[in-house]
């Protein structure tokens, strides 16, 4: 009996193969044939799931956006806890840095895992610059997160709504700057996490 393949699962596997090839060999090496080989498929099999490279890349980027949306829901839930405002803000911001938080076993992820995640995030940002709908989706998520951090800041730090919002946006800008430094490998996730912890403490100490 032929093996039944879940089309969504197979498409996800191909998208993961795309990110691995791009990270390991550079975008110049990315082709449908190379990605198919990475995924353990023939070119014809891959083309059964994707019409071409744009179709594959759009699917891969949409998958990253879905993950970001799931993370956003978790982050907003965490920020709703009023008892530990500073630690929850620190936790949320560090969760935005690939590799900055250990897994359940307490083990940091391998370098190639967080490096692929950073590359995928940068690709999403780059594609969003050319895609208004994608850009709006990213902006909406950032706005919701900024509002959550603003509310958390006001729980503990006595300041105006405007100042709290300014600080929240500043912390998010710091995360984005750290992601760029990670992409260039100027720093590692542990250093990024430490920087975030330091600046969160400064903001709450005002």
N, C-alpha and C. Protein backbone atom coordinates (compact mmCIF):
# COMPACT_ATOMS: atom_id res chain seq x y z
N UNK A 1 0.85 -1.19 0.00
CA UNK A 1 0.00 0.00 0.00
C UNK A 1 0.89 1.25 0.00
N UNK A 2 0.61 2.22 -0.88
CA UNK A 2 1.44 3.44 -0.92
C UNK A 2 1.34 4.20 0.40
N UNK A 3 2.46 4.82 0.77
CA UNK A 3 2.49 5.61 1.99
C UNK A 3 1.70 6.90 1.79
N UNK A 4 0.81 7.19 2.75
CA UNK A 4 0.01 8.41 2.69
C UNK A 4 0.83 9.56 3.27
N UNK A 5 1.00 10.61 2.48
CA UNK A 5 1.81 11.75 2.89
C UNK A 5 0.90 12.93 3.19
N UNK A 6 1.09 13.54 4.34
CA UNK A 6 0.35 14.75 4.70
C UNK A 6 0.95 15.91 3.91
N UNK A 7 0.17 16.52 2.98
CA UNK A 7 0.73 17.60 2.14
C UNK A 7 1.29 18.76 2.96
N UNK A 8 0.60 19.14 4.04
CA UNK A 8 1.08 20.26 4.87
C UNK A 8 2.42 19.91 5.51
N UNK A 9 2.52 18.70 6.02
CA UNK A 9 3.78 18.27 6.64
C UNK A 9 4.91 18.27 5.61
N UNK A 10 4.63 17.78 4.41
CA UNK A 10 5.68 17.73 3.38
C UNK A 10 6.09 19.13 2.97
N UNK A 11 5.14 20.04 2.84
CA UNK A 11 5.47 21.42 2.50
C UNK A 11 6.31 22.07 3.59
N UNK A 12 5.98 21.77 4.85
CA UNK A 12 6.78 22.30 5.97
C UNK A 12 8.20 21.74 5.94
N UNK A 13 8.35 20.47 5.59
CA UNK A 13 9.67 19.86 5.51
C UNK A 13 10.50 20.51 4.40
N UNK A 14 9.86 20.82 3.29
CA UNK A 14 10.57 21.47 2.18
C UNK A 14 10.97 22.89 2.59
N UNK A 15 10.08 23.60 3.27
CA UNK A 15 10.41 24.96 3.73
C UNK A 15 11.60 24.93 4.70
N UNK A 16 11.61 23.94 5.60
CA UNK A 16 12.74 23.81 6.53
C UNK A 16 14.03 23.53 5.76
N UNK A 17 13.94 22.73 4.71
CA UNK A 17 15.12 22.44 3.89
C UNK A 17 15.62 23.70 3.19
N UNK A 18 14.71 24.55 2.76
CA UNK A 18 15.08 25.83 2.14
C UNK A 18 15.93 26.65 3.10
N UNK A 19 15.46 26.81 4.35
CA UNK A 19 16.22 27.62 5.31
C UNK A 19 17.59 27.02 5.59
N UNK A 20 17.67 25.70 5.67
CA UNK A 20 18.96 25.06 5.94
C UNK A 20 19.95 25.31 4.81
N UNK A 21 19.50 25.15 3.58
CA UNK A 21 20.39 25.36 2.43
C UNK A 21 20.84 26.82 2.38
N UNK A 22 19.90 27.75 2.57
CA UNK A 22 20.23 29.18 2.51
C UNK A 22 21.25 29.54 3.59
N UNK A 23 21.08 28.98 4.78
CA UNK A 23 22.00 29.28 5.88
C UNK A 23 23.38 28.67 5.62
N UNK A 24 23.39 27.43 5.22
CA UNK A 24 24.66 26.70 5.10
C UNK A 24 25.47 27.11 3.87
N UNK A 25 24.76 27.40 2.76
CA UNK A 25 25.46 27.59 1.49
C UNK A 25 25.25 28.97 0.88
N UNK A 26 24.36 29.78 1.49
CA UNK A 26 24.09 31.11 0.96
C UNK A 26 22.95 31.08 -0.06
N UNK A 27 22.31 32.23 -0.22
CA UNK A 27 21.15 32.29 -1.12
C UNK A 27 21.52 32.02 -2.57
N UNK A 28 22.78 32.28 -2.92
CA UNK A 28 23.20 32.01 -4.30
C UNK A 28 23.14 30.55 -4.66
N UNK A 29 23.18 29.68 -3.64
CA UNK A 29 23.14 28.22 -3.90
C UNK A 29 21.73 27.68 -3.89
N UNK A 30 20.76 28.50 -3.53
CA UNK A 30 19.38 28.01 -3.39
C UNK A 30 18.73 27.84 -4.76
N UNK A 31 18.23 26.67 -5.00
CA UNK A 31 17.44 26.38 -6.20
C UNK A 31 16.44 25.30 -5.83
N UNK A 32 15.42 25.13 -6.65
CA UNK A 32 14.45 24.08 -6.36
C UNK A 32 15.12 22.72 -6.32
N UNK A 33 16.06 22.48 -7.23
CA UNK A 33 16.74 21.19 -7.27
C UNK A 33 17.56 20.96 -6.01
N UNK A 34 18.26 22.01 -5.55
CA UNK A 34 19.10 21.86 -4.36
C UNK A 34 18.24 21.66 -3.12
N UNK A 35 17.13 22.40 -3.03
CA UNK A 35 16.23 22.24 -1.89
C UNK A 35 15.58 20.86 -1.90
N UNK A 36 15.21 20.38 -3.08
CA UNK A 36 14.62 19.05 -3.18
C UNK A 36 15.59 17.99 -2.66
N UNK A 37 16.85 18.11 -3.04
CA UNK A 37 17.86 17.15 -2.58
C UNK A 37 18.01 17.21 -1.06
N UNK A 38 18.00 18.42 -0.51
CA UNK A 38 18.11 18.60 0.94
C UNK A 38 16.93 17.95 1.66
N UNK A 39 15.76 18.03 1.04
CA UNK A 39 14.56 17.47 1.65
C UNK A 39 14.39 15.99 1.37
N UNK A 40 15.31 15.41 0.57
CA UNK A 40 15.22 13.99 0.25
C UNK A 40 14.15 13.68 -0.78
N UNK A 41 13.90 14.65 -1.67
CA UNK A 41 12.87 14.49 -2.70
C UNK A 41 13.49 14.64 -4.08
N UNK A 42 12.78 14.15 -5.07
CA UNK A 42 13.15 14.46 -6.45
C UNK A 42 12.61 15.83 -6.79
N UNK A 43 13.17 16.44 -7.83
CA UNK A 43 12.67 17.75 -8.25
C UNK A 43 11.20 17.66 -8.64
N UNK A 44 10.83 16.60 -9.32
CA UNK A 44 9.42 16.44 -9.71
C UNK A 44 8.49 16.34 -8.52
N UNK A 45 8.94 15.64 -7.48
CA UNK A 45 8.11 15.52 -6.27
C UNK A 45 7.94 16.88 -5.61
N UNK A 46 9.03 17.65 -5.53
CA UNK A 46 8.93 18.98 -4.92
C UNK A 46 7.96 19.85 -5.70
N UNK A 47 8.02 19.78 -7.03
CA UNK A 47 7.16 20.62 -7.86
C UNK A 47 5.69 20.21 -7.76
N UNK A 48 5.44 19.05 -7.17
CA UNK A 48 4.06 18.67 -6.89
C UNK A 48 3.47 19.54 -5.79
N UNK A 49 4.35 20.08 -4.91
CA UNK A 49 3.90 20.88 -3.78
C UNK A 49 4.09 22.38 -3.99
N UNK A 50 5.04 22.78 -4.83
CA UNK A 50 5.33 24.19 -5.05
C UNK A 50 5.50 24.46 -6.54
N UNK A 51 4.86 25.55 -7.00
CA UNK A 51 4.91 25.87 -8.43
C UNK A 51 6.27 26.41 -8.85
N UNK A 52 7.01 27.00 -7.91
CA UNK A 52 8.31 27.57 -8.24
C UNK A 52 8.96 28.13 -6.99
N UNK A 53 10.10 28.80 -7.17
CA UNK A 53 10.84 29.30 -6.02
C UNK A 53 10.07 30.38 -5.26
N UNK A 54 9.39 31.27 -5.98
CA UNK A 54 8.61 32.30 -5.29
C UNK A 54 7.51 31.68 -4.43
N UNK A 55 6.87 30.68 -4.96
CA UNK A 55 5.82 29.99 -4.21
C UNK A 55 6.40 29.36 -2.94
N UNK A 56 7.55 28.72 -3.07
CA UNK A 56 8.21 28.10 -1.92
C UNK A 56 8.64 29.15 -0.90
N UNK A 57 9.25 30.23 -1.35
CA UNK A 57 9.72 31.25 -0.43
C UNK A 57 8.55 31.93 0.28
N UNK A 58 7.48 32.20 -0.45
CA UNK A 58 6.31 32.80 0.17
C UNK A 58 5.75 31.89 1.26
N UNK A 59 5.73 30.60 1.00
CA UNK A 59 5.23 29.64 1.99
C UNK A 59 6.15 29.61 3.21
N UNK A 60 7.46 29.61 2.97
CA UNK A 60 8.42 29.57 4.07
C UNK A 60 8.31 30.82 4.93
N UNK A 61 8.16 31.98 4.30
CA UNK A 61 8.04 33.24 5.04
C UNK A 61 6.73 33.27 5.81
N UNK A 62 5.64 32.81 5.21
CA UNK A 62 4.36 32.76 5.91
C UNK A 62 4.46 31.86 7.14
N UNK A 63 5.24 30.78 7.04
CA UNK A 63 5.43 29.91 8.19
C UNK A 63 6.14 30.61 9.34
N UNK A 64 7.13 31.43 9.01
CA UNK A 64 7.83 32.20 10.04
C UNK A 64 6.86 33.19 10.69
N UNK A 65 6.03 33.84 9.89
CA UNK A 65 5.05 34.78 10.43
C UNK A 65 4.07 34.07 11.36
N UNK A 66 3.67 32.85 11.01
CA UNK A 66 2.77 32.09 11.88
C UNK A 66 3.44 31.81 13.23
N UNK A 67 4.72 31.47 13.19
CA UNK A 67 5.46 31.22 14.44
C UNK A 67 5.54 32.50 15.26
N UNK A 68 5.80 33.63 14.60
CA UNK A 68 5.87 34.91 15.30
C UNK A 68 4.52 35.25 15.95
N UNK A 69 3.43 34.95 15.26
CA UNK A 69 2.11 35.20 15.84
C UNK A 69 1.87 34.33 17.07
N UNK A 70 2.30 33.07 17.01
CA UNK A 70 2.15 32.17 18.16
C UNK A 70 2.98 32.69 19.34
N UNK A 71 4.19 33.14 19.05
CA UNK A 71 5.04 33.69 20.11
C UNK A 71 4.40 34.95 20.70
N UNK A 72 3.80 35.77 19.85
CA UNK A 72 3.16 37.00 20.32
C UNK A 72 2.04 36.67 21.30
N UNK A 73 1.23 35.66 20.99
CA UNK A 73 0.15 35.28 21.90
C UNK A 73 0.71 34.86 23.25
N UNK A 74 1.79 34.08 23.24
CA UNK A 74 2.42 33.66 24.49
C UNK A 74 2.98 34.87 25.25
N UNK A 75 3.61 35.79 24.52
CA UNK A 75 4.22 36.95 25.15
C UNK A 75 3.17 37.85 25.80
N UNK A 76 2.04 38.06 25.12
CA UNK A 76 1.00 38.91 25.67
C UNK A 76 0.37 38.26 26.90
N UNK A 77 0.25 36.93 26.89
CA UNK A 77 -0.26 36.23 28.07
C UNK A 77 0.68 36.41 29.25
N UNK A 78 1.98 36.30 29.00
CA UNK A 78 2.98 36.48 30.06
C UNK A 78 2.93 37.89 30.62
N UNK A 79 2.80 38.87 29.74
CA UNK A 79 2.79 40.27 30.18
C UNK A 79 1.54 40.63 30.99
N UNK A 80 0.52 39.80 30.89
CA UNK A 80 -0.71 40.09 31.63
C UNK A 80 -0.56 39.80 33.13
N UNK A 81 0.54 39.15 33.54
CA UNK A 81 0.78 38.84 34.95
C UNK A 81 1.31 40.10 35.65
N UNK A 82 0.56 40.68 36.59
CA UNK A 82 0.98 41.93 37.22
C UNK A 82 1.97 41.75 38.37
N UNK A 83 2.22 40.52 38.78
CA UNK A 83 3.01 40.29 39.99
C UNK A 83 4.52 40.44 39.78
N UNK A 84 4.98 40.18 38.58
CA UNK A 84 6.42 40.21 38.33
C UNK A 84 6.68 40.98 37.03
N UNK A 85 6.34 42.25 37.03
CA UNK A 85 6.38 43.04 35.80
C UNK A 85 7.76 43.07 35.17
N UNK A 86 8.80 43.36 35.96
CA UNK A 86 10.14 43.47 35.38
C UNK A 86 10.62 42.14 34.82
N UNK A 87 10.44 41.06 35.58
CA UNK A 87 10.92 39.77 35.11
C UNK A 87 10.14 39.28 33.90
N UNK A 88 8.83 39.62 33.82
CA UNK A 88 8.06 39.18 32.66
C UNK A 88 8.47 39.95 31.41
N UNK A 89 8.72 41.25 31.55
CA UNK A 89 9.20 42.02 30.39
C UNK A 89 10.55 41.48 29.93
N UNK A 90 11.44 41.22 30.87
CA UNK A 90 12.74 40.66 30.52
C UNK A 90 12.58 39.31 29.81
N UNK A 91 11.71 38.46 30.34
CA UNK A 91 11.49 37.14 29.75
C UNK A 91 10.94 37.25 28.34
N UNK A 92 9.97 38.14 28.15
CA UNK A 92 9.36 38.32 26.83
C UNK A 92 10.39 38.79 25.81
N UNK A 93 11.18 39.79 26.18
CA UNK A 93 12.16 40.33 25.24
C UNK A 93 13.24 39.29 24.91
N UNK A 94 13.68 38.54 25.91
CA UNK A 94 14.70 37.52 25.65
C UNK A 94 14.13 36.40 24.78
N UNK A 95 12.83 36.14 24.89
CA UNK A 95 12.23 35.09 24.05
C UNK A 95 12.22 35.47 22.58
N UNK A 96 12.40 36.77 22.28
CA UNK A 96 12.44 37.22 20.90
C UNK A 96 13.80 37.03 20.25
N UNK A 97 14.80 36.67 21.06
CA UNK A 97 16.16 36.47 20.56
C UNK A 97 16.41 34.98 20.39
N UNK A 98 16.53 34.48 19.16
CA UNK A 98 16.80 33.06 18.97
C UNK A 98 18.05 32.61 19.72
N UNK A 99 17.91 31.53 20.47
CA UNK A 99 19.06 30.98 21.18
C UNK A 99 19.31 31.59 22.53
N UNK A 100 18.55 32.64 22.91
CA UNK A 100 18.81 33.32 24.17
C UNK A 100 18.23 32.59 25.36
N UNK A 101 17.22 31.74 25.13
CA UNK A 101 16.60 31.01 26.23
C UNK A 101 16.81 29.52 26.00
N UNK A 102 17.28 28.78 27.02
CA UNK A 102 17.48 27.34 26.89
C UNK A 102 16.17 26.61 26.66
N UNK A 103 16.24 25.37 26.17
CA UNK A 103 15.04 24.56 26.03
C UNK A 103 14.65 23.99 27.39
N UNK A 104 13.66 23.12 27.42
CA UNK A 104 13.16 22.59 28.69
C UNK A 104 14.23 21.82 29.46
N UNK A 105 15.21 21.30 28.76
CA UNK A 105 16.29 20.55 29.43
C UNK A 105 17.35 21.49 30.00
N UNK A 106 17.22 22.80 29.69
CA UNK A 106 18.21 23.75 30.16
C UNK A 106 19.40 23.89 29.24
N UNK A 107 19.34 23.26 28.07
CA UNK A 107 20.46 23.28 27.13
C UNK A 107 20.25 24.35 26.05
N UNK A 108 21.20 25.25 25.86
CA UNK A 108 21.07 26.24 24.78
C UNK A 108 21.02 25.53 23.42
N UNK A 109 20.29 26.06 22.47
CA UNK A 109 20.23 25.43 21.14
C UNK A 109 21.57 25.52 20.42
N UNK A 110 21.85 24.56 19.54
CA UNK A 110 23.10 24.63 18.76
C UNK A 110 23.17 25.91 17.95
N UNK A 111 24.41 26.32 17.63
CA UNK A 111 24.59 27.57 16.89
C UNK A 111 23.81 27.59 15.58
N UNK A 112 23.81 26.47 14.85
CA UNK A 112 23.18 26.50 13.54
C UNK A 112 21.66 26.66 13.64
N UNK A 113 21.08 26.30 14.78
CA UNK A 113 19.63 26.45 14.95
C UNK A 113 19.28 27.93 15.10
N UNK A 114 19.92 28.63 16.03
CA UNK A 114 19.55 30.04 16.21
C UNK A 114 20.00 30.89 15.03
N UNK A 115 21.09 30.51 14.37
CA UNK A 115 21.53 31.28 13.21
C UNK A 115 20.52 31.17 12.06
N UNK A 116 19.95 29.98 11.86
CA UNK A 116 18.91 29.81 10.85
C UNK A 116 17.69 30.65 11.21
N UNK A 117 17.33 30.67 12.49
CA UNK A 117 16.17 31.44 12.92
C UNK A 117 16.37 32.94 12.70
N UNK A 118 17.57 33.44 12.98
CA UNK A 118 17.86 34.85 12.75
C UNK A 118 17.79 35.15 11.25
N UNK A 119 18.36 34.28 10.43
CA UNK A 119 18.33 34.49 8.99
C UNK A 119 16.89 34.51 8.48
N UNK A 120 16.05 33.60 9.01
CA UNK A 120 14.65 33.56 8.60
C UNK A 120 13.94 34.86 8.97
N UNK A 121 14.22 35.38 10.17
CA UNK A 121 13.60 36.64 10.60
C UNK A 121 14.01 37.77 9.67
N UNK A 122 15.28 37.86 9.32
CA UNK A 122 15.74 38.92 8.42
C UNK A 122 15.10 38.78 7.04
N UNK A 123 14.90 37.56 6.60
CA UNK A 123 14.26 37.34 5.30
C UNK A 123 12.82 37.82 5.33
N UNK A 124 12.13 37.56 6.43
CA UNK A 124 10.76 38.03 6.58
C UNK A 124 10.71 39.56 6.52
N UNK A 125 11.60 40.22 7.24
CA UNK A 125 11.63 41.68 7.25
C UNK A 125 11.91 42.21 5.84
N UNK A 126 12.84 41.57 5.14
CA UNK A 126 13.17 42.00 3.78
C UNK A 126 11.98 41.84 2.84
N UNK A 127 11.30 40.69 2.93
CA UNK A 127 10.13 40.46 2.07
C UNK A 127 9.00 41.43 2.42
N UNK A 128 8.86 41.73 3.72
CA UNK A 128 7.78 42.62 4.15
C UNK A 128 7.95 44.01 3.57
N UNK A 129 9.20 44.42 3.32
CA UNK A 129 9.44 45.74 2.75
C UNK A 129 8.84 45.86 1.35
N UNK A 130 8.62 44.72 0.69
CA UNK A 130 8.05 44.71 -0.65
C UNK A 130 6.59 44.25 -0.66
N UNK A 131 6.06 43.92 0.52
CA UNK A 131 4.72 43.33 0.59
C UNK A 131 3.90 44.07 1.66
N UNK A 132 3.00 44.97 1.25
CA UNK A 132 2.25 45.78 2.22
C UNK A 132 1.46 44.95 3.23
N UNK A 133 0.86 43.86 2.79
CA UNK A 133 0.06 43.05 3.71
C UNK A 133 0.95 42.42 4.78
N UNK A 134 2.09 41.92 4.36
CA UNK A 134 3.03 41.31 5.30
C UNK A 134 3.59 42.37 6.25
N UNK A 135 3.90 43.54 5.72
CA UNK A 135 4.41 44.62 6.55
C UNK A 135 3.37 45.04 7.60
N UNK A 136 2.10 45.11 7.18
CA UNK A 136 1.04 45.49 8.11
C UNK A 136 0.89 44.44 9.21
N UNK A 137 1.06 43.19 8.85
CA UNK A 137 0.96 42.10 9.84
C UNK A 137 2.07 42.21 10.88
N UNK A 138 3.28 42.49 10.44
CA UNK A 138 4.39 42.67 11.37
C UNK A 138 4.18 43.89 12.26
N UNK A 139 3.74 44.99 11.68
CA UNK A 139 3.52 46.21 12.44
C UNK A 139 2.42 46.03 13.49
N UNK A 140 1.36 45.32 13.12
CA UNK A 140 0.27 45.09 14.06
C UNK A 140 0.76 44.28 15.26
N UNK A 141 1.58 43.27 15.00
CA UNK A 141 2.12 42.48 16.09
C UNK A 141 3.02 43.30 16.99
N UNK A 142 3.85 44.15 16.38
CA UNK A 142 4.74 45.01 17.15
C UNK A 142 3.94 45.99 18.00
N UNK A 143 2.86 46.54 17.44
CA UNK A 143 2.02 47.48 18.19
C UNK A 143 1.38 46.81 19.39
N UNK A 144 0.88 45.61 19.21
CA UNK A 144 0.24 44.88 20.31
C UNK A 144 1.26 44.58 21.41
N UNK A 145 2.46 44.19 21.00
CA UNK A 145 3.49 43.88 21.99
C UNK A 145 3.92 45.14 22.73
N UNK A 146 4.05 46.25 22.01
CA UNK A 146 4.42 47.52 22.64
C UNK A 146 3.38 47.93 23.67
N UNK A 147 2.10 47.73 23.36
CA UNK A 147 1.05 48.07 24.32
C UNK A 147 1.14 47.18 25.56
N UNK A 148 1.44 45.90 25.37
CA UNK A 148 1.58 45.00 26.50
C UNK A 148 2.75 45.38 27.40
N UNK A 149 3.87 45.73 26.79
CA UNK A 149 5.05 46.13 27.57
C UNK A 149 4.78 47.47 28.26
N UNK A 150 4.08 48.38 27.57
CA UNK A 150 3.72 49.66 28.18
C UNK A 150 2.90 49.45 29.44
N UNK A 151 1.91 48.57 29.35
CA UNK A 151 1.07 48.30 30.52
C UNK A 151 1.89 47.69 31.65
N UNK A 152 2.81 46.79 31.32
CA UNK A 152 3.65 46.16 32.35
C UNK A 152 4.56 47.19 33.01
N UNK A 153 5.09 48.11 32.22
CA UNK A 153 5.94 49.16 32.79
C UNK A 153 5.17 50.03 33.78
N UNK A 154 3.93 50.33 33.45
CA UNK A 154 3.15 51.22 34.30
C UNK A 154 2.71 50.53 35.59
N UNK A 155 2.76 49.19 35.62
CA UNK A 155 2.43 48.47 36.85
C UNK A 155 3.45 48.74 37.95
N UNK A 156 4.72 48.89 37.52
CA UNK A 156 5.79 49.00 38.50
C UNK A 156 6.53 50.33 38.45
N UNK A 157 6.66 50.88 37.30
CA UNK A 157 7.42 52.12 37.15
C UNK A 157 6.43 53.27 37.02
N UNK A 158 6.53 54.25 37.89
CA UNK A 158 5.57 55.35 37.91
C UNK A 158 5.97 56.39 36.87
N UNK A 159 5.26 56.35 35.77
CA UNK A 159 5.54 57.31 34.70
C UNK A 159 4.28 57.52 33.88
N UNK A 160 4.31 58.52 33.04
CA UNK A 160 3.14 58.81 32.21
C UNK A 160 2.96 57.73 31.15
N UNK A 161 1.74 57.61 30.62
CA UNK A 161 1.52 56.64 29.54
C UNK A 161 2.46 56.89 28.36
N UNK A 162 2.71 58.18 28.07
CA UNK A 162 3.57 58.51 26.93
C UNK A 162 5.01 58.05 27.16
N UNK A 163 5.51 58.27 28.38
CA UNK A 163 6.87 57.85 28.68
C UNK A 163 6.99 56.34 28.70
N UNK A 164 5.98 55.67 29.25
CA UNK A 164 6.00 54.21 29.27
C UNK A 164 6.00 53.65 27.85
N UNK A 165 5.19 54.24 26.97
CA UNK A 165 5.15 53.80 25.58
C UNK A 165 6.49 54.04 24.90
N UNK A 166 7.09 55.18 25.18
CA UNK A 166 8.41 55.50 24.60
C UNK A 166 9.44 54.46 25.03
N UNK A 167 9.43 54.09 26.31
CA UNK A 167 10.39 53.09 26.80
C UNK A 167 10.12 51.72 26.20
N UNK A 168 8.83 51.38 26.05
CA UNK A 168 8.48 50.09 25.45
C UNK A 168 8.99 50.01 24.02
N UNK A 169 8.78 51.06 23.25
CA UNK A 169 9.28 51.09 21.87
C UNK A 169 10.81 51.04 21.83
N UNK A 170 11.43 51.70 22.80
CA UNK A 170 12.89 51.65 22.85
C UNK A 170 13.41 50.25 23.11
N UNK A 171 12.75 49.51 23.98
CA UNK A 171 13.17 48.14 24.27
C UNK A 171 12.98 47.24 23.04
N UNK A 172 11.88 47.43 22.32
CA UNK A 172 11.67 46.64 21.10
C UNK A 172 12.71 46.99 20.03
N UNK A 173 13.07 48.27 19.94
CA UNK A 173 14.11 48.68 19.00
C UNK A 173 15.45 48.04 19.37
N UNK A 174 15.71 47.93 20.67
CA UNK A 174 16.93 47.27 21.11
C UNK A 174 16.96 45.82 20.66
N UNK A 175 15.83 45.13 20.77
CA UNK A 175 15.76 43.74 20.32
C UNK A 175 16.10 43.65 18.84
N UNK A 176 15.52 44.52 18.03
CA UNK A 176 15.78 44.47 16.59
C UNK A 176 17.24 44.76 16.28
N UNK A 177 17.84 45.69 17.02
CA UNK A 177 19.27 45.96 16.82
C UNK A 177 20.13 44.78 17.20
N UNK A 178 19.77 44.10 18.27
CA UNK A 178 20.52 42.91 18.68
C UNK A 178 20.39 41.79 17.66
N UNK A 179 19.21 41.68 17.04
CA UNK A 179 19.03 40.67 16.00
C UNK A 179 19.96 40.93 14.82
N UNK A 180 20.13 42.19 14.46
CA UNK A 180 21.05 42.52 13.37
C UNK A 180 22.49 42.17 13.76
N UNK A 181 22.87 42.43 15.02
CA UNK A 181 24.22 42.08 15.46
C UNK A 181 24.42 40.56 15.49
N UNK A 182 23.35 39.84 15.85
CA UNK A 182 23.43 38.38 15.80
C UNK A 182 23.61 37.90 14.36
N UNK A 183 22.91 38.54 13.44
CA UNK A 183 23.02 38.14 12.03
C UNK A 183 24.44 38.32 11.52
N UNK A 184 25.11 39.39 11.99
CA UNK A 184 26.50 39.61 11.59
C UNK A 184 27.48 38.81 12.46
N UNK A 185 26.94 38.18 13.48
CA UNK A 185 27.73 37.39 14.45
C UNK A 185 28.71 38.27 15.22
N UNK A 186 28.29 39.51 15.46
CA UNK A 186 29.08 40.40 16.32
C UNK A 186 28.94 39.99 17.78
N UNK A 187 27.80 39.40 18.11
CA UNK A 187 27.54 38.92 19.46
C UNK A 187 26.91 37.54 19.36
N UNK A 188 26.75 36.88 20.53
CA UNK A 188 26.05 35.61 20.56
C UNK A 188 24.77 35.76 21.38
N UNK A 189 23.89 34.76 21.38
CA UNK A 189 22.62 34.91 22.10
C UNK A 189 22.78 35.21 23.58
N UNK A 190 23.78 34.64 24.23
CA UNK A 190 23.97 34.89 25.67
C UNK A 190 24.28 36.36 25.92
N UNK A 191 25.12 36.95 25.07
CA UNK A 191 25.44 38.38 25.22
C UNK A 191 24.21 39.23 24.95
N UNK A 192 23.41 38.85 23.97
CA UNK A 192 22.19 39.59 23.67
C UNK A 192 21.23 39.53 24.86
N UNK A 193 21.10 38.35 25.46
CA UNK A 193 20.21 38.20 26.61
C UNK A 193 20.68 39.06 27.77
N UNK A 194 21.99 39.10 28.00
CA UNK A 194 22.54 39.90 29.09
C UNK A 194 22.30 41.39 28.84
N UNK A 195 22.46 41.83 27.61
CA UNK A 195 22.21 43.23 27.27
C UNK A 195 20.76 43.61 27.53
N UNK A 196 19.84 42.73 27.13
CA UNK A 196 18.43 42.99 27.37
C UNK A 196 18.13 43.09 28.86
N UNK A 197 18.69 42.16 29.64
CA UNK A 197 18.44 42.17 31.08
C UNK A 197 18.92 43.48 31.71
N UNK A 198 20.07 43.95 31.24
CA UNK A 198 20.64 45.18 31.78
C UNK A 198 19.75 46.39 31.47
N UNK A 199 19.27 46.48 30.25
CA UNK A 199 18.47 47.65 29.86
C UNK A 199 17.07 47.59 30.46
N UNK A 200 16.51 46.40 30.60
CA UNK A 200 15.20 46.29 31.27
C UNK A 200 15.33 46.78 32.70
N UNK A 201 16.41 46.38 33.38
CA UNK A 201 16.63 46.84 34.77
C UNK A 201 16.74 48.36 34.83
N UNK A 202 17.43 48.95 33.88
CA UNK A 202 17.58 50.41 33.84
C UNK A 202 16.23 51.08 33.66
N UNK A 203 15.42 50.56 32.75
CA UNK A 203 14.12 51.16 32.49
C UNK A 203 13.23 51.09 33.73
N UNK A 204 13.24 49.96 34.42
CA UNK A 204 12.39 49.82 35.59
C UNK A 204 12.92 50.59 36.80
N UNK A 205 14.19 50.93 36.78
CA UNK A 205 14.78 51.65 37.92
C UNK A 205 14.50 53.15 37.86
N UNK A 206 13.98 53.64 36.74
CA UNK A 206 13.76 55.08 36.60
C UNK A 206 12.68 55.57 37.56
